[in-house]
Protein backbone atom coordinates (compact mmCIF):
# COMPACT_ATOMS: atom_id res chain seq x y z
CA MET A 1 0.01 0.20 -0.05
CA ILE A 2 1.46 3.16 -0.97
CA ALA A 3 0.51 6.27 1.28
CA LYS A 4 -0.76 9.44 0.51
CA PHE A 5 0.13 12.95 1.83
CA LYS A 6 -1.46 16.23 1.63
CA LYS A 7 -0.35 18.38 -0.25
CA THR A 8 1.20 20.77 2.43
CA ASN A 9 4.50 23.04 2.52
CA ARG A 10 6.10 20.59 4.94
CA GLY A 11 8.13 19.34 1.93
CA LEU A 12 9.24 22.97 1.51
CA ALA A 13 10.47 22.75 5.20
CA LEU A 14 12.01 19.45 5.05
CA ALA A 15 13.68 20.47 1.98
CA ALA A 16 15.28 23.59 3.59
CA VAL A 17 16.02 21.48 6.70
CA LEU A 18 17.95 19.36 4.22
CA PHE A 19 19.91 22.21 2.78
CA ALA A 20 20.50 24.02 5.63
CA GLY A 21 22.45 20.81 7.25
CA LEU A 22 24.22 19.92 3.49
CA GLY A 23 25.33 23.90 4.66
CA LEU A 24 26.04 23.24 7.82
CA ILE A 25 28.26 19.70 7.10
CA THR A 26 30.33 21.82 4.39
CA LEU A 27 30.95 24.38 6.77
CA THR A 28 31.94 22.67 9.54
CA ASP A 29 34.19 20.55 7.48
CA ALA A 30 35.20 23.94 5.87
CA SER A 31 36.66 24.97 9.59
CA SER A 32 37.53 21.50 11.23
CA GLY A 33 41.15 22.55 11.25
CA SER A 34 40.16 25.95 13.12
CA SER A 35 37.68 23.92 15.19
CA HIS A 36 40.62 20.91 16.10
CA LEU A 37 43.16 24.02 16.40
CA ALA A 38 40.69 25.02 19.30
CA LYS A 39 39.81 22.10 20.60
CA ASP A 40 43.52 21.37 21.12
CA LEU A 41 44.64 24.80 22.83
CA ILE A 42 42.28 23.91 25.81
CA GLY A 43 44.84 22.74 28.35
CA THR A 44 48.25 24.35 30.09
CA TRP A 45 51.29 25.12 28.59
CA ILE A 46 54.47 25.82 30.03
CA LEU A 47 57.03 27.85 27.97
CA VAL A 48 60.04 26.18 26.55
CA GLY A 49 61.53 29.09 24.69
CA LYS A 50 61.44 30.51 20.91
CA PRO A 51 61.26 28.89 17.14
CA GLY A 52 64.74 27.18 16.45
CA GLU A 53 65.69 27.35 20.62
CA PHE A 54 63.95 25.23 22.56
CA GLY A 55 64.44 22.89 25.44
CA GLN A 56 62.76 20.94 28.02
CA ALA A 57 60.27 22.11 30.98
CA PRO A 58 61.52 23.92 33.53
CA ALA A 59 62.00 21.24 36.25
CA ALA A 60 60.13 24.09 39.00
CA GLY A 61 59.25 27.55 38.81
CA GLY A 62 58.18 28.14 35.13
CA ARG A 63 56.03 30.45 32.97
CA LEU A 64 52.36 28.36 32.30
CA LYS A 65 49.30 29.55 30.50
CA PHE A 66 45.88 28.66 30.41
CA TRP A 67 43.68 28.08 27.63
CA THR A 68 40.11 27.86 28.93
CA GLY A 69 37.69 28.10 25.43
CA THR A 70 37.16 32.16 26.03
CA HIS A 71 39.74 33.27 28.30
CA TRP A 72 43.47 33.06 28.98
CA CYS A 73 46.42 33.29 31.47
CA ILE A 74 49.99 33.33 32.15
CA THR A 75 51.07 32.87 35.70
CA GLN A 76 54.59 32.30 36.80
CA ALA A 77 55.93 31.69 40.14
CA ASP A 78 59.11 31.94 41.99
CA PRO A 79 60.83 28.50 41.76
CA LYS A 80 62.16 28.65 45.66
CA ASN A 81 58.97 30.28 47.21
CA GLY A 82 55.61 29.75 45.38
CA VAL A 83 55.30 33.59 45.52
CA VAL A 84 53.49 34.79 41.84
CA ILE A 85 55.42 37.18 40.21
CA PHE A 86 53.92 37.53 37.00
CA HIS A 87 50.65 37.34 35.91
CA HIS A 88 47.76 38.48 33.30
CA GLY A 89 44.99 37.09 31.21
CA GLY A 90 41.72 37.83 29.82
CA THR A 91 39.77 36.94 26.52
CA TYR A 92 40.86 35.85 22.87
CA THR A 93 39.12 34.31 19.87
CA LEU A 94 40.55 32.27 17.37
CA LYS A 95 39.63 31.99 13.68
CA GLY A 96 41.55 29.66 11.38
CA ASP A 97 45.25 30.12 13.22
CA ASN A 98 44.83 34.13 13.69
CA TYR A 99 44.57 34.45 17.36
CA LEU A 100 43.37 37.42 18.85
CA GLU A 101 44.23 38.06 22.67
CA THR A 102 42.98 40.72 24.97
CA VAL A 103 44.77 41.54 28.49
CA GLU A 104 42.09 42.66 30.98
CA PHE A 105 43.51 41.90 34.64
CA ALA A 106 46.85 41.61 35.42
CA ASN A 107 49.24 41.75 38.57
CA PRO A 108 51.58 44.80 38.90
CA SER A 109 54.33 43.37 37.14
CA THR A 110 52.17 43.91 33.89
CA LYS A 111 49.43 45.96 34.31
CA ASP A 112 50.56 48.37 31.61
CA ARG A 113 49.36 45.77 29.22
CA ILE A 114 45.85 46.00 30.53
CA GLY A 115 43.50 46.60 27.60
CA LYS A 116 46.41 46.00 25.27
CA THR A 117 44.91 43.40 22.28
CA GLY A 118 48.44 40.93 20.41
CA LYS A 119 47.51 38.98 17.16
CA TYR A 120 49.09 36.23 16.61
CA THR A 121 49.67 33.25 14.25
CA LEU A 122 49.06 29.92 16.71
CA LYS A 123 49.97 26.30 15.45
CA ILE A 124 50.12 22.91 17.32
CA GLU A 125 52.28 19.90 16.69
CA GLY A 126 51.60 16.98 18.86
CA GLU A 127 52.60 18.58 22.41
CA THR A 128 54.32 21.69 20.52
CA LEU A 129 52.27 25.10 20.49
CA THR A 130 53.94 27.64 18.40
CA GLN A 131 52.61 31.28 19.02
CA ILE A 132 54.00 34.54 16.75
CA GLY A 133 53.26 37.23 16.61
CA ILE A 134 52.05 39.75 14.26
CA GLY A 135 52.98 43.21 14.37
CA ASN A 136 54.57 42.41 17.91
CA PRO A 137 57.77 40.64 18.81
CA TRP A 138 56.51 37.51 20.75
CA ARG A 139 57.99 34.31 19.36
CA GLU A 140 57.02 31.77 21.51
CA VAL A 141 56.74 28.16 21.98
CA TRP A 142 55.26 26.14 24.59
CA LYS A 143 54.87 22.41 25.43
CA ARG A 144 51.84 20.91 27.15
CA ALA A 145 52.15 20.89 31.09
CA LYS A 146 52.60 17.22 32.25
CA CYS A 147 51.38 16.27 35.61
CA ALA A 148 54.42 14.14 36.90
CA LYS A 149 57.52 16.31 38.46
CA PRO A 150 61.02 15.02 37.87
CA HIS A 151 62.86 13.80 40.82
CA PRO A 152 65.12 15.17 42.74
CA ALA A 153 68.70 14.76 41.07
CA ASP A 154 72.13 13.77 43.36
CA ALA A 155 73.62 17.17 44.60
CA THR A 156 76.17 15.34 46.00
CA VAL A 157 78.11 14.37 43.05
CA LEU A 158 78.42 18.46 42.49
CA GLN A 159 79.74 18.62 46.13
CA GLY A 160 83.06 20.51 46.54
CA SER A 161 85.48 23.13 44.72
CA TRP A 162 85.98 23.68 40.91
CA SER A 163 87.94 25.85 38.11
CA GLY A 164 86.29 26.52 35.45
CA GLN A 165 86.70 28.65 31.81
CA GLU A 166 84.04 30.15 30.17
CA THR A 167 83.98 28.90 26.45
CA GLY A 168 82.65 32.49 24.57
CA GLY A 169 81.80 34.21 27.40
CA ARG A 170 81.75 37.66 29.42
CA SER A 171 85.42 37.70 30.62
CA LYS A 172 88.27 35.54 29.83
CA GLY A 173 90.02 34.01 32.51
CA ALA A 174 89.75 31.37 34.77
CA CYS A 175 86.44 31.14 37.00
CA SER A 176 85.53 28.92 40.86
CA LEU A 177 82.65 27.37 42.12
CA VAL A 178 81.94 26.27 45.81
CA ILE A 179 79.21 24.09 46.19
CA LYS A 180 78.59 22.64 49.71
CA GLY A 181 75.06 21.60 50.76
CA SER A 182 72.47 22.89 48.61
CA ASN A 183 74.24 26.29 48.54
CA LEU A 184 76.77 27.61 45.76
CA GLU A 185 79.36 30.73 45.25
CA PHE A 186 80.47 31.43 42.04
CA HIS A 187 83.11 34.14 40.84
CA GLY A 188 83.80 34.96 37.45
CA ALA A 189 87.22 36.30 35.79
CA ASP A 190 86.11 39.62 36.29
CA THR A 191 86.59 40.62 40.45
CA ASN A 192 83.15 42.08 40.50
CA GLU A 193 81.16 39.48 39.43
CA TRP A 194 80.18 36.97 41.92
CA TYR A 195 77.57 34.78 43.28
CA LYS A 196 76.16 33.39 46.12
CA ALA A 197 72.82 31.18 45.84
CA ALA A 198 70.42 28.62 46.48
CA PHE A 199 70.11 25.83 44.38
CA SER A 200 67.93 22.55 43.42
CA ALA A 201 68.98 19.84 41.47
CA TYR A 202 66.13 17.59 39.21
CA ASP A 203 66.84 13.91 37.41
CA THR A 204 66.00 15.54 34.21
CA THR A 205 67.91 15.02 30.23
CA PRO A 206 70.31 16.90 30.73
CA LYS A 207 70.24 17.14 34.04
CA GLN A 208 68.77 20.74 35.46
CA VAL A 209 69.44 23.06 38.31
CA VAL A 210 67.13 25.45 39.69
CA ILE A 211 69.16 28.55 41.03
CA THR A 212 67.68 31.57 43.38
CA ILE A 213 70.15 34.06 44.21
CA THR A 214 70.96 35.44 47.34
CA ASP A 215 73.67 37.51 46.91
CA CYS A 216 76.04 39.54 44.49
CA PRO A 217 76.95 43.29 43.48
CA PHE A 218 73.95 43.20 41.29
CA PRO A 219 70.13 44.13 43.69
CA ASP A 220 68.29 43.47 40.58
CA TYR A 221 69.51 39.81 40.87
CA VAL A 222 69.16 39.59 44.26
CA GLY A 223 66.34 36.89 44.94
CA ILE A 224 65.96 36.39 40.90
CA SER A 225 66.13 32.61 39.80
CA ALA A 226 67.95 31.23 36.88
CA TYR A 227 67.82 27.86 35.19
CA ALA A 228 70.49 25.74 33.79
CA ILE A 229 71.54 22.65 32.55
CA TYR A 230 74.50 20.27 33.82
CA GLN A 231 76.65 17.30 32.92
CA LEU A 232 78.79 15.82 34.85
CA GLN A 233 81.51 13.14 33.00
CA ASP A 234 84.76 12.19 34.01
CA GLY A 235 85.52 14.78 36.60
CA THR A 236 84.12 17.83 34.38
CA LEU A 237 81.32 19.32 35.07
CA THR A 238 79.75 21.70 32.48
CA MET A 239 76.82 23.93 33.14
CA THR A 240 74.86 26.34 30.34
CA GLY A 241 72.88 28.56 32.29
CA ASN A 242 70.10 31.29 31.18
CA GLU A 243 70.56 35.07 32.55
CA PRO A 244 68.56 35.49 35.48
CA GLY A 245 65.10 36.21 35.91
CA SER A 246 64.64 34.03 32.44
CA PRO A 247 61.51 31.79 31.97
CA VAL A 248 62.95 29.21 30.27
CA VAL A 249 65.76 26.51 30.53
CA PRO A 250 68.54 26.23 27.74
CA ALA A 251 68.00 24.58 24.67
CA ASP A 252 71.26 22.21 25.03
CA PHE A 253 75.00 23.01 25.61
CA ASP A 254 75.68 25.72 23.30
CA ALA A 255 71.77 27.06 22.94
CA PRO A 256 72.58 31.15 21.62
CA GLY A 257 72.88 33.73 24.34
CA ALA A 258 73.14 31.66 27.19
CA ARG A 259 76.39 31.07 29.51
CA LYS A 260 78.53 27.78 29.41
CA ILE A 261 80.99 27.00 31.14
CA VAL A 262 83.18 24.24 31.76
CA PHE A 263 84.77 23.98 35.13
CA LYS A 264 87.41 20.94 36.65
CA ARG A 265 87.50 19.72 40.11
CA GLU A 266 90.20 21.32 42.43
CA ALA A 267 92.89 19.05 42.69
CA GLY A 268 92.72 17.49 46.62
CA GLU A 269 88.93 17.72 46.25
CA PRO A 270 87.48 13.92 46.47
CA GLY A 271 85.21 12.42 44.37
CA SER A 272 81.81 12.51 45.76
CA VAL A 273 79.98 9.18 45.58
CA ALA A 274 80.99 5.99 46.80
CA GLN A 275 81.30 2.87 45.26
CA PRO A 276 78.82 0.32 47.25
CA ALA A 277 80.48 -2.39 49.65
CA GLN A 278 81.21 -5.32 48.46
CA PRO A 279 79.77 -7.92 50.53
CA GLY A 280 81.44 -9.07 53.23
CA SER A 281 83.39 -6.10 53.64
CA GLY A 282 82.18 -4.61 57.08
CA THR A 283 83.13 -6.42 60.43
CA ASN A 284 81.45 -7.98 63.31
CA ALA A 285 80.77 -4.91 65.49
CA GLU A 286 77.15 -6.57 67.12
CA GLN A 287 79.40 -9.50 67.78
CA GLY A 288 82.51 -7.51 68.99
CA GLY A 289 84.83 -9.96 66.87
CA ALA A 290 88.25 -9.65 66.05
CA GLY A 291 89.50 -8.22 62.50
CA THR A 292 88.44 -4.42 62.38
CA THR A 293 90.69 -2.20 59.85
CA VAL A 294 92.38 0.19 61.05
CA ALA A 295 92.40 2.93 57.87
CA GLY A 296 94.16 5.98 57.75
CA ALA A 297 92.85 9.16 59.11
CA PRO A 298 89.92 10.95 57.18
CA PRO A 299 90.03 14.16 56.57
CA THR A 300 90.01 17.45 59.61
CA ASN A 301 86.41 18.30 60.24
CA PRO A 302 86.68 21.94 60.05
CA ASN A 303 82.74 22.39 61.03
CA GLU A 304 81.98 24.91 63.83
CA TYR A 305 79.59 23.83 66.62
CA LYS A 306 76.44 26.28 66.17
CA PRO A 307 73.59 24.37 66.94
CA SER A 308 69.67 25.23 65.53
CA THR A 309 67.23 25.22 67.90
CA ASP A 310 64.60 25.22 65.24
CA LYS A 311 61.96 22.46 66.61
CA ASP A 312 60.80 21.88 62.44
CA GLU A 313 64.24 21.44 61.40
CA SER A 314 64.46 19.14 64.37
CA ALA A 315 61.38 17.43 63.48
CA ALA A 316 62.91 16.60 59.57
CA CYS A 317 66.07 15.86 60.33
CA LYS A 318 64.77 12.87 62.49
CA LYS A 319 62.32 11.80 59.92
CA ASN A 320 66.07 11.36 57.82
CA LEU A 321 67.41 9.17 60.56
CA GLU A 322 64.16 7.01 60.70
CA LYS A 323 65.10 6.69 56.94
CA ILE A 324 68.55 6.21 56.84
CA ASN A 325 68.06 3.12 59.98
CA ALA A 326 65.56 1.47 57.57
CA ALA A 327 68.61 1.52 54.85
CA ILE A 328 70.97 0.32 57.26
CA GLU A 329 68.28 -2.53 58.93
CA ALA A 330 68.55 -3.27 54.91
CA TYR A 331 72.15 -3.90 55.00
CA ARG A 332 72.85 -5.77 58.05
CA LYS A 333 70.07 -8.41 56.90
CA ASP A 334 72.16 -8.89 53.51
CA HIS A 335 75.64 -8.84 54.81
CA HIS A 336 75.19 -9.49 58.35
CA ASP A 337 77.26 -6.76 60.14
CA VAL A 338 76.99 -2.58 59.96
CA PRO A 339 78.29 -1.08 57.08
CA ASN A 340 82.03 1.07 57.07
CA TRP A 341 80.25 3.95 55.93
CA LEU A 342 77.03 5.64 55.25
CA SER A 343 77.91 5.86 51.44
CA ASP A 344 78.01 1.45 51.50
CA LEU A 345 74.68 2.30 51.50
CA VAL A 346 74.36 4.37 48.49
CA PRO A 347 72.70 3.44 45.81
CA LYS A 348 71.15 0.03 46.54
CA TYR A 349 70.20 0.72 50.06
CA LEU A 350 69.71 4.45 49.96
CA PRO A 351 69.19 5.29 46.77
CA ASP A 352 68.60 8.73 47.76
CA THR A 353 71.06 10.78 48.86
CA ASN A 354 68.93 13.63 49.78
CA LEU A 355 68.29 12.22 53.02
CA LEU A 356 71.70 12.33 54.35
CA VAL A 357 71.67 16.05 54.34
CA CYS A 358 69.92 17.77 57.49
CA PRO A 359 67.26 20.71 56.81
CA VAL A 360 70.31 22.68 58.92
CA THR A 361 72.92 21.92 56.42
CA THR A 362 70.67 22.71 53.42
CA ARG A 363 69.99 26.21 55.16
CA THR A 364 73.54 26.88 56.34
CA GLY A 365 75.72 24.55 54.37
CA GLN A 366 76.86 23.52 58.16
CA GLN A 367 77.90 19.90 58.98
CA SER A 368 78.32 18.11 62.30
CA PRO A 369 81.25 19.14 63.80
CA PHE A 370 83.48 17.33 66.29
CA GLY A 371 83.48 13.38 64.36
CA VAL A 372 84.39 11.91 61.45
CA LEU A 373 82.30 12.41 57.97
CA ASP A 374 82.08 10.37 55.23
CA PRO A 375 85.01 11.13 52.89
CA LYS A 376 83.59 9.44 50.21
CA ILE A 377 79.95 11.20 49.84
CA TYR A 378 78.42 14.45 51.11
CA SER A 379 76.76 14.41 54.36
CA SER A 380 75.18 16.24 57.46
CA TYR A 381 76.30 13.30 60.00
CA LEU A 382 78.32 11.82 61.71
CA TYR A 383 78.72 7.95 61.49
CA GLU A 384 80.08 6.10 64.82
CA PHE A 385 81.25 2.80 62.91
CA THR A 386 83.92 3.83 60.65
CA PRO A 387 87.28 1.92 60.79
CA THR A 388 88.86 4.52 61.40
CA PRO A 389 91.56 6.17 64.03
CA ILE A 390 89.66 8.43 66.99
CA PRO A 391 89.80 12.00 66.16
CA GLU A 392 92.03 14.03 67.81
CA VAL A 393 89.09 16.47 68.60
CA VAL A 394 87.30 13.97 70.31
CA LYS A 395 90.50 12.06 71.89
CA GLY A 396 91.21 15.52 73.67
CA ALA A 397 87.42 15.00 75.01
CA TRP A 398 87.81 11.19 76.02
CA PRO A 399 91.34 9.92 76.75
CA GLY A 400 92.64 6.96 76.36
CA PRO A 401 94.70 4.42 73.49
CA GLN A 402 94.75 5.04 70.10
CA MET A 403 92.34 2.78 68.32
CA THR A 404 89.27 2.97 65.82
CA MET A 405 86.08 4.52 66.38
CA ARG A 406 84.93 0.60 65.79
CA GLU A 407 86.31 -0.90 68.36
CA TRP A 408 85.58 2.18 71.08
CA LYS A 409 81.88 2.30 69.91
CA ARG A 410 82.30 -1.92 70.66
CA GLN A 411 83.69 -1.19 73.86
CA GLN A 412 80.74 1.43 74.52
CA MET A 413 78.04 -1.39 73.54
CA LYS A 414 79.18 -3.54 76.80
CA LEU A 415 77.94 -0.89 79.00
CA VAL A 416 74.31 0.02 76.92
CA GLY A 417 74.68 -2.06 74.45
CA PRO A 418 72.11 -0.69 71.65
CA GLU A 419 71.60 2.64 72.87
CA VAL A 420 75.39 3.25 71.25
CA PRO A 421 75.03 6.20 68.65
CA LEU A 422 75.35 4.39 65.11
CA VAL A 423 74.29 8.13 63.53
CA ARG A 424 74.71 11.38 65.18
CA CYS A 425 73.66 14.90 64.13
CA LEU A 426 75.12 17.97 65.87
CA LEU A 427 73.89 20.64 63.98
CA HIS A 428 70.68 20.83 67.21
CA GLU A 429 70.25 21.71 70.73
CA PRO A 430 69.94 18.77 71.52
CA ALA A 431 71.83 16.65 69.37
CA LEU A 432 69.78 13.81 67.38
CA ASN A 433 71.21 9.99 67.85
CA LEU A 434 70.39 7.50 66.08
CA SER A 435 71.11 3.76 67.85
CA LEU A 436 72.64 0.81 67.04
CA GLY A 437 69.15 -0.41 67.95
CA GLY A 438 67.16 1.65 65.71
CA LYS A 439 66.12 4.68 68.26
CA VAL A 440 66.04 8.00 67.22
CA TYR A 441 66.77 10.02 70.99
CA GLU A 442 67.96 13.28 71.83
CA SER A 443 70.75 14.06 73.57
CA PRO A 444 73.47 16.50 75.17
CA VAL A 445 76.63 17.11 72.29
CA PHE A 446 77.76 14.47 75.22
CA TRP A 447 75.30 11.19 74.56
CA GLU A 448 77.13 9.63 77.40
CA LEU A 449 75.65 11.97 79.41
CA ASN A 450 72.02 10.46 79.12
CA PHE A 451 73.90 6.82 80.51
CA THR A 452 74.73 8.19 83.56
CA ASN A 453 72.97 6.66 85.87
CA VAL A 454 74.24 2.81 84.17
CA ALA A 455 77.99 3.77 84.44
CA LYS A 456 80.09 6.94 85.59
CA LEU A 457 81.43 8.99 82.95
CA GLU A 458 84.52 7.92 82.81
CA ALA A 459 83.99 4.12 81.99
CA PHE A 460 82.97 5.84 78.46
CA SER A 461 86.79 6.35 77.58
CA PRO A 462 88.22 4.22 75.18
CA HIS A 463 90.41 1.56 77.58
């Protein structure tokens, strides 16, 4: 049966709808490139440089740009303290690859841009966005921001004194770099150029360092951060950094406009990272067995006693000691003994060497005074069971026959057992101790004063 339809204007309406639909499809197809660009633009991006000169995203801080579909904003925070130093934004339109953005709000540093509109072309390839100014000088490359943060790098390998030469730099001649804890001091060939700074290193490729200047002859640079990349190969440290205040990381070690310096470790400076001890290399501290190896005396500990009374720093240090204890316990399980040095724990048992750095060291550069510091790795802490002679400064307080620290600690174990400290931090008042039994406790500089109810003080001396 064939249905009969009344003669109405529905056919005309249907035709109009179909025509409009076809037109809409044609229009959508024609503008699909624009719609894809608009869709891909939405999200968070981080500035990495300019066309032909861009590298990896900054490991900390950095200049971020956000697009929502109608609004945009740029913000940049100080990588050291999170304070916003650069911020403005507004609305935008996008037609094809032609992009207009208007600044409608800003912080004091960029308030002069409010009300201004800039014209650009945009191009997105994969995770890279290129923004080229039309009638303005802005030429920028952005990368889509990632959620994952880079891990800290092992900064202990950088510790010590370095001598260098700048390649194609501002001043010809020698320059120097001293790195201690999380602080550095640089002196250029020009005696008027020097910088003191705090830094953080990150395990990127290549590795990054974020430097915040704390003192220098140029007031405008104090408190400003700079980004650099570095590599350490065969005792040679190569660093390339951008001008303080630049929000981007150098594209490579020979990046145009960046400053490249090649350093050599100064004579007499020890290597920073120890190789893990061979299985069975320790001595039987727990059992009091014979056969302790007497090594040569370690370098004199030059640090002064200037303890911190900050409770937060002490609490953070205690957490470090607890994690060091876990690493020592794992070592003891494998080797049936404590290590000769804390560096014997690296990297198998203690991959994060930042745990060997007390917060007081991070702030001041000071290490624990009076005792034996690890000669193979940078550490804030005194390790009490070393196979080295008792230091002269300690013998001045505890006179007795010549013996190793380990032998002396075994003697003290006969008095207080596992309460004898294995690791100590004298950067706090009161001092912190990690005992052989795994307990973290506070004490005066002379921990033995905690146990005068067990034995007379002189009984703790070497004998």
